[in-house]
Structure formats: structure tokens, C-alpha cells
Protein backbone atom coordinates (compact mmCIF):
# COMPACT_ATOMS: atom_id res chain seq x y z
CA MET A 1 -5.14 40.00 -50.59
CA SER A 2 -2.35 37.42 -50.35
CA LEU A 3 -2.22 34.26 -52.44
CA ILE A 4 -3.13 32.12 -49.41
CA ASP A 5 -6.11 34.35 -48.65
CA SER A 6 -7.23 34.13 -52.30
CA ILE A 7 -7.00 30.33 -52.21
CA LYS A 8 -8.95 30.20 -48.93
CA ASP A 9 -11.60 32.53 -50.41
CA ILE A 10 -12.03 30.34 -53.51
CA ASP A 11 -12.07 27.22 -51.33
CA THR A 12 -14.77 28.71 -49.08
CA LYS A 13 -16.92 29.78 -52.04
CA LEU A 14 -16.59 26.35 -53.66
CA PHE A 15 -17.43 24.68 -50.35
CA LEU A 16 -20.55 26.83 -49.86
CA PHE A 17 -21.69 26.08 -53.40
CA LEU A 18 -21.20 22.31 -53.10
CA ASN A 19 -22.54 22.12 -49.55
CA SER A 20 -25.70 24.02 -50.54
CA LYS A 21 -26.70 21.27 -53.00
CA HIS A 22 -28.52 18.94 -50.61
CA ASN A 23 -31.83 17.17 -50.11
CA SER A 24 -33.29 14.65 -47.68
CA PHE A 25 -32.43 11.63 -49.86
CA PHE A 26 -28.74 12.54 -50.13
CA ASP A 27 -28.64 13.66 -46.51
CA PHE A 28 -29.31 10.03 -45.59
CA ILE A 29 -26.84 8.60 -48.15
CA MET A 30 -24.01 11.01 -47.37
CA PHE A 31 -24.42 10.70 -43.61
CA TRP A 32 -23.83 6.96 -43.88
CA ALA A 33 -21.08 7.31 -46.51
CA SER A 34 -19.01 9.12 -43.88
CA ASP A 35 -19.55 6.42 -41.26
CA LYS A 36 -16.50 4.17 -40.89
CA LEU A 37 -18.43 1.13 -39.67
CA ILE A 38 -20.82 1.04 -42.64
CA TRP A 39 -17.89 0.01 -44.84
CA ILE A 40 -16.97 -3.13 -42.86
CA PRO A 41 -18.65 -5.43 -45.45
CA LEU A 42 -16.57 -3.75 -48.18
CA TYR A 43 -13.38 -4.24 -46.15
CA LEU A 44 -14.30 -7.90 -45.73
CA LEU A 45 -14.73 -8.13 -49.51
CA PHE A 46 -11.26 -6.62 -49.93
CA ALA A 47 -9.87 -9.21 -47.50
CA PHE A 48 -11.59 -12.00 -49.44
CA LEU A 49 -10.13 -10.74 -52.72
CA VAL A 50 -6.68 -10.51 -51.17
CA TYR A 51 -6.97 -14.08 -49.89
CA LYS A 52 -8.24 -15.29 -53.27
CA HIS A 53 -5.34 -13.70 -55.16
CA PHE A 54 -2.54 -13.87 -52.59
CA GLY A 55 -3.38 -16.93 -50.47
CA LYS A 56 -1.07 -17.30 -47.49
CA ARG A 57 0.53 -13.94 -48.28
CA ILE A 58 -2.69 -12.28 -47.04
CA TRP A 59 -0.94 -11.44 -43.75
CA LEU A 60 1.61 -9.31 -45.61
CA VAL A 61 -1.09 -7.40 -47.48
CA ILE A 62 -3.13 -6.84 -44.31
CA LEU A 63 -0.02 -5.69 -42.46
CA ALA A 64 0.77 -3.25 -45.27
CA ALA A 65 -2.83 -1.95 -45.26
CA LEU A 66 -2.77 -1.46 -41.49
CA VAL A 67 0.53 0.43 -41.69
CA LEU A 68 -0.74 2.72 -44.45
CA ILE A 69 -3.97 3.52 -42.57
CA LEU A 70 -1.98 4.20 -39.42
CA LEU A 71 0.41 6.48 -41.31
CA SER A 72 -2.25 8.39 -43.24
CA ASP A 73 -4.49 8.76 -40.20
CA GLN A 74 -1.73 9.93 -37.86
CA LEU A 75 -0.18 12.27 -40.43
CA SER A 76 -3.51 13.86 -41.30
CA ASN A 77 -4.64 14.17 -37.68
CA HIS A 78 -1.47 14.99 -35.78
CA GLY A 79 0.81 16.21 -38.55
CA PHE A 80 -1.58 18.56 -40.34
CA LYS A 81 -4.66 19.38 -38.27
CA ASN A 82 -2.61 20.27 -35.19
CA THR A 83 -0.13 22.28 -37.27
CA PHE A 84 -2.36 24.32 -39.59
CA LEU A 85 -5.26 24.81 -37.15
CA ARG A 86 -7.77 25.55 -39.91
CA TYR A 87 -11.31 25.49 -38.57
CA ARG A 88 -13.76 23.07 -40.11
CA PRO A 89 -16.50 24.91 -42.04
CA CYS A 90 -19.02 23.96 -39.35
CA HIS A 91 -16.76 25.54 -36.69
CA ASN A 92 -15.89 28.63 -38.76
CA LEU A 93 -17.88 31.46 -37.17
CA THR A 94 -17.84 33.58 -40.37
CA ILE A 95 -19.75 30.98 -42.43
CA GLN A 96 -21.21 28.67 -39.78
CA ASP A 97 -24.78 29.92 -40.34
CA LYS A 98 -24.53 29.07 -44.08
CA VAL A 99 -23.25 25.51 -43.58
CA HIS A 100 -25.61 22.61 -44.11
CA LEU A 101 -24.39 20.37 -41.28
CA ASN A 102 -25.51 16.82 -41.85
CA GLY A 103 -24.52 15.03 -38.64
CA ASP A 104 -21.82 15.80 -36.09
CA CYS A 105 -19.29 18.56 -36.80
CA GLY A 106 -16.34 16.61 -35.42
CA GLY A 107 -13.11 18.05 -34.09
CA THR A 108 -12.32 21.73 -34.27
CA TYR A 109 -9.79 21.56 -37.12
CA GLY A 110 -10.17 20.00 -40.54
CA PHE A 111 -7.07 20.51 -42.69
CA VAL A 112 -6.53 17.83 -43.93
CA SER A 113 -9.33 15.32 -44.20
CA SER A 114 -8.42 12.02 -42.57
CA HIS A 115 -11.29 10.33 -44.43
CA ALA A 116 -9.74 11.44 -47.73
CA ALA A 117 -6.20 10.52 -46.70
CA ASN A 118 -7.24 7.07 -45.45
CA THR A 119 -9.56 6.12 -48.31
CA PHE A 120 -7.20 7.32 -51.03
CA ALA A 121 -4.22 5.61 -49.38
CA LEU A 122 -6.15 2.35 -49.36
CA ALA A 123 -7.50 2.95 -52.88
CA ILE A 124 -4.10 3.50 -54.46
CA PHE A 125 -2.53 0.59 -52.57
CA LEU A 126 -5.27 -1.88 -53.48
CA GLY A 127 -5.64 -0.40 -56.96
CA MET A 128 -1.95 -1.05 -57.64
CA LEU A 129 -2.15 -4.46 -55.98
CA PHE A 130 -5.05 -5.64 -58.16
CA TYR A 131 -4.27 -3.61 -61.29
CA LYS A 132 -3.42 -6.63 -63.44
CA ARG A 133 -5.57 -9.11 -61.53
CA ILE A 134 -9.10 -7.63 -61.49
CA LYS A 135 -10.39 -5.60 -64.41
CA TYR A 136 -11.80 -2.19 -63.42
CA PHE A 137 -10.99 -2.71 -59.74
CA ALA A 138 -8.83 0.43 -59.58
CA ILE A 139 -11.58 2.54 -61.16
CA ALA A 140 -14.22 1.18 -58.78
CA ILE A 141 -12.13 1.72 -55.65
CA PHE A 142 -11.24 5.29 -56.69
CA ILE A 143 -14.93 6.05 -57.20
CA TRP A 144 -15.51 4.75 -53.66
CA ALA A 145 -12.69 6.92 -52.24
CA PHE A 146 -14.03 9.98 -54.06
CA PHE A 147 -17.59 9.26 -52.86
CA VAL A 148 -16.52 8.93 -49.21
CA SER A 149 -14.37 12.06 -49.48
CA TYR A 150 -17.09 14.13 -51.17
CA SER A 151 -19.51 13.15 -48.41
CA ARG A 152 -17.32 15.17 -46.03
CA ILE A 153 -17.99 18.36 -48.04
CA TYR A 154 -21.68 17.50 -48.36
CA ASN A 155 -21.93 16.92 -44.61
CA GLY A 156 -20.38 20.33 -43.90
CA VAL A 157 -17.20 19.19 -42.14
CA HIS A 158 -14.47 19.76 -44.78
CA TYR A 159 -13.50 22.27 -47.42
CA PRO A 160 -12.58 21.00 -50.91
CA ALA A 161 -8.89 21.79 -50.23
CA ASP A 162 -9.03 19.60 -47.11
CA ILE A 163 -10.19 16.76 -49.34
CA ALA A 164 -7.76 17.42 -52.21
CA VAL A 165 -4.67 17.66 -50.00
CA GLY A 166 -5.81 14.69 -47.92
CA ALA A 167 -6.24 12.65 -51.11
CA ILE A 168 -2.77 13.64 -52.36
CA ILE A 169 -1.18 12.71 -49.03
CA GLY A 170 -3.09 9.43 -48.97
CA MET A 171 -2.06 8.53 -52.51
CA GLY A 172 1.56 9.31 -51.71
CA ILE A 173 1.44 7.03 -48.67
CA GLY A 174 -0.37 4.35 -50.68
CA ILE A 175 2.31 4.38 -53.38
CA MET A 176 5.11 4.33 -50.80
CA ILE A 177 3.59 1.39 -48.93
CA TYR A 178 2.90 -0.48 -52.18
CA LYS A 179 6.56 -0.12 -53.20
CA LEU A 180 7.68 -1.28 -49.74
CA PHE A 181 5.21 -4.19 -49.92
CA SER A 182 6.52 -5.22 -53.36
CA PHE A 183 10.11 -5.11 -52.13
CA VAL A 184 9.36 -7.18 -49.01
CA GLU A 185 7.20 -9.64 -50.95
CA LYS A 186 10.05 -10.30 -53.40
CA LYS A 187 12.53 -10.81 -50.57
CA ILE A 188 10.28 -13.21 -48.65
CA PHE A 189 8.41 -15.13 -51.36
CA VAL A 190 10.87 -15.33 -54.26
């Protein structure tokens, strides 16, 4: 067995273990945790906090956030999923009957998780942005990103490796955009 096959085997076993831990209460919670629209009030809170701490510079922060979501979403969807062509667990015929699918399966391929890439990109960007301004903000937003990402395993649509690699990609993009934001902010507002 090759190293890649060993990693896939461990990933599948871990997925099946985590995905098997479900009940009707968490089915409801995790279904909604994966829904993008449910988080609109949280995004509005983020916008309020940005306005409160950055005032008229809010447009620069929002522009940076939009660019990082666009980058992480496009890279995860078109750069990875269409390159690696790894079936989602709910589309994988060898384990499909063992998957607890909580909602829609989604597209055919799942490596890497766009939910993980997007939420962790936003989490690292905002975490760095508010690090010295709001106590515990970074911890809270990373808990949120982890929660949303874990819901994808719970719901049967992503393997743990999909989540881990998506989170790493998202954090890399978040750091890159934060550094670019800081550079531009200094050039414009100093």
C-alpha cells in the first residue's frame, strides 16, 4: 500500500468514526451550521465591528474580505476539486451506504472543502485585524470556523483531510490578504 493510499485509508476510517456520532438534535444544528445564509447576522456583526474600529476605512476591510473569499472559494473549487477529483464521502460508492448524510450531498468532488477554506480565511484575516482591539475575538472566530468546518464531516460531505487542507489554504490566503491590507492601509491612510 502506498503512502497516499495509507493516508486515504486513515482519512476514511476517521471520517466514518466521526460521521457515525450523530443524533437528531445535532442533525438539526449541523445542518444549519453548514448553511451560508444562516450566518448573515454574524457577518453583519463583523461589519459593525469593522465600522466601529475602522470608521471610514470599512470599505478597505470589506474589499479585502471580498477578495479573500473570492480567492479561497475559487482556489478550493476550481483549483483543487477539479484537479484532484476525489469523491465526496456521500458520492464514494465503496462507503456510501455507511455515510450518515444529513442534507444534500453537493457536488461530486470534495477535496478541498470550500467551507473550511472560506471560513478559515475570514477567521485568520479578522482575527489578525482585531487581535489587539477585541479581547478573545480571534479565539471566538476560530471556534466558529472549526464548528462550520466540522459540520461538513458530520453532514457526510467531506473527509477530515478535505477540512484540514481547506483550513490550511484558507489561513494562508487570510494571512496573505491581511499583509496586503496592512500595506495598502499604510500607503493610503498614513
